[in-house]
Each structure stands twice: as C-alpha cells, then as structure tokens.
Protein backbone atom coordinates (compact mmCIF):
# COMPACT_ATOMS: atom_id res chain seq x y z
CA MET A 1 -2.65 -14.95 -14.35
CA HIS A 2 -1.42 -13.78 -10.96
CA GLN A 3 -1.38 -16.58 -8.35
CA PRO A 4 -1.24 -14.78 -4.96
CA ARG A 5 1.44 -15.79 -2.51
CA TRP A 6 0.03 -14.93 0.87
CA VAL A 7 2.69 -14.18 3.52
CA PRO A 8 2.41 -13.43 7.27
CA GLN A 9 2.62 -9.83 8.49
CA ARG A 10 6.20 -10.08 9.79
CA GLU A 11 7.45 -11.39 6.42
CA ALA A 12 5.45 -8.75 4.56
CA ALA A 13 6.84 -5.95 6.76
CA PHE A 14 10.41 -7.15 6.07
CA ALA A 15 9.81 -7.48 2.34
CA LEU A 16 8.20 -4.04 2.07
CA SER A 17 10.86 -2.43 4.27
CA THR A 18 8.34 -1.15 6.80
CA SER A 19 7.11 -1.99 10.29
CA GLU A 20 4.20 -4.23 11.20
CA ARG A 21 2.54 -1.15 12.77
CA THR A 22 2.81 0.77 9.51
CA LEU A 23 1.13 -2.17 7.68
CA SER A 24 -1.67 -2.00 10.24
CA ARG A 25 -2.05 1.72 9.61
CA MET A 26 -2.12 1.18 5.83
CA ARG A 27 -4.83 -1.43 6.23
CA ASN A 28 -6.93 0.86 8.49
CA ASP A 29 -6.64 3.92 6.25
CA GLY A 30 -7.44 1.89 3.07
CA THR A 31 -4.04 2.23 1.45
CA LEU A 32 -3.83 -1.56 1.35
CA VAL A 33 -7.19 -2.92 0.17
CA GLN A 34 -8.79 -5.90 1.99
CA GLY A 35 -9.25 -8.90 -0.28
CA ILE A 36 -6.70 -7.63 -2.77
CA CYS A 37 -3.61 -6.75 -0.72
CA TRP A 38 -4.47 -8.49 2.50
CA ARG A 39 -6.87 -10.94 4.11
CA ARG A 40 -7.44 -12.72 7.38
CA LYS A 41 -6.14 -16.26 7.72
CA VAL A 42 -9.59 -17.21 9.19
CA PRO A 43 -11.94 -14.85 7.31
CA HIS A 44 -14.71 -14.49 9.93
CA ASN A 45 -12.42 -14.22 12.95
CA ARG A 46 -11.48 -10.55 13.55
CA ASN A 47 -8.52 -11.70 15.73
CA SER A 48 -7.15 -13.94 13.00
CA HIS A 49 -3.65 -13.38 11.68
CA ILE A 50 -3.33 -11.14 8.62
CA LEU A 51 -1.82 -12.40 5.40
CA TYR A 52 -0.51 -10.20 2.59
CA ASP A 53 -0.18 -10.64 -1.14
CA LEU A 54 3.23 -8.97 -1.64
CA GLU A 55 2.90 -8.43 -5.36
CA LYS A 56 -0.45 -6.61 -4.97
CA CYS A 57 0.90 -4.58 -1.99
CA ILE A 58 3.89 -3.46 -4.05
CA ASP A 59 1.65 -2.59 -6.99
CA GLU A 60 -0.63 -0.58 -4.73
CA LEU A 61 2.14 1.28 -2.96
CA SER A 62 4.11 2.06 -6.16
CA GLY A 63 0.92 3.39 -7.73
CA GLN A 64 0.44 5.70 -4.75
CA ALA A 65 4.07 6.80 -4.94
CA ARG A 66 3.62 7.62 -8.63
CA ALA A 67 0.42 9.60 -7.91
CA ALA A 68 2.14 11.58 -5.15
CA GLN A 69 5.05 12.40 -7.48
CA LEU A 70 2.61 13.49 -10.19
CA GLU A 71 0.85 15.79 -7.71
CA THR A 72 4.17 17.31 -6.69
CA ASP A 73 5.13 17.87 -10.32
CA LEU A 74 1.80 19.56 -11.03
CA GLN A 75 2.19 21.84 -8.02
CA GLN A 76 5.65 22.88 -9.28
CA ILE A 77 4.27 23.63 -12.73
CA ASN A 78 1.49 25.76 -11.23
CA GLU A 79 3.98 27.65 -9.04
CA LYS A 80 6.07 28.45 -12.12
CA LYS A 81 2.98 29.74 -13.97
CA GLU A 82 2.27 32.08 -11.06
CA VAL A 83 5.81 33.50 -11.23
CA TYR A 84 5.69 33.98 -15.01
CA PRO A 85 2.16 35.14 -15.89
C-alpha cells in the first residue's frame, strides 16, 4: 500500500525538475489532481501552503507523457497511410 510522503512545493519542484510556477499551472489545469497529487496543508484555508505526493505526481506526469507519445505515434502512422493509399 502506498503511504504518501507529502512534500512542500519548493522540494516538489526540485524533485520534478520544474518550477514552482509550472506546478501551480499544472494544478490549475488539472494535470495534477487535487487530493491525489496535491493538497493544502490546512484544507479549508485557500491561502495554505501546498503539499505534493511526489510518487503520485510522477505517476501522473509519466502517464501523460506516455499518452502524448502514443498520440504522436498514431499521427505518424496516419500520415504514412495517406502517403501510401
């Protein structure tokens, strides 16, 4: 069973090789899911510090990377079909 290790935003940004601003964007656009990848230190305080579960963040981001690569591969296959009917 996965026991989350919640880390502060600065540590998460360093571990994920990204900026704190990018983490904020990924939270806002839903790339990193609240309650799974991140949570507030004080849940009902919107100004509370954000904590991240690094393992879940990595899982989520690598899944998206795999999906993007699959989409690129499918586009290339479709382009080849158009060249060779």
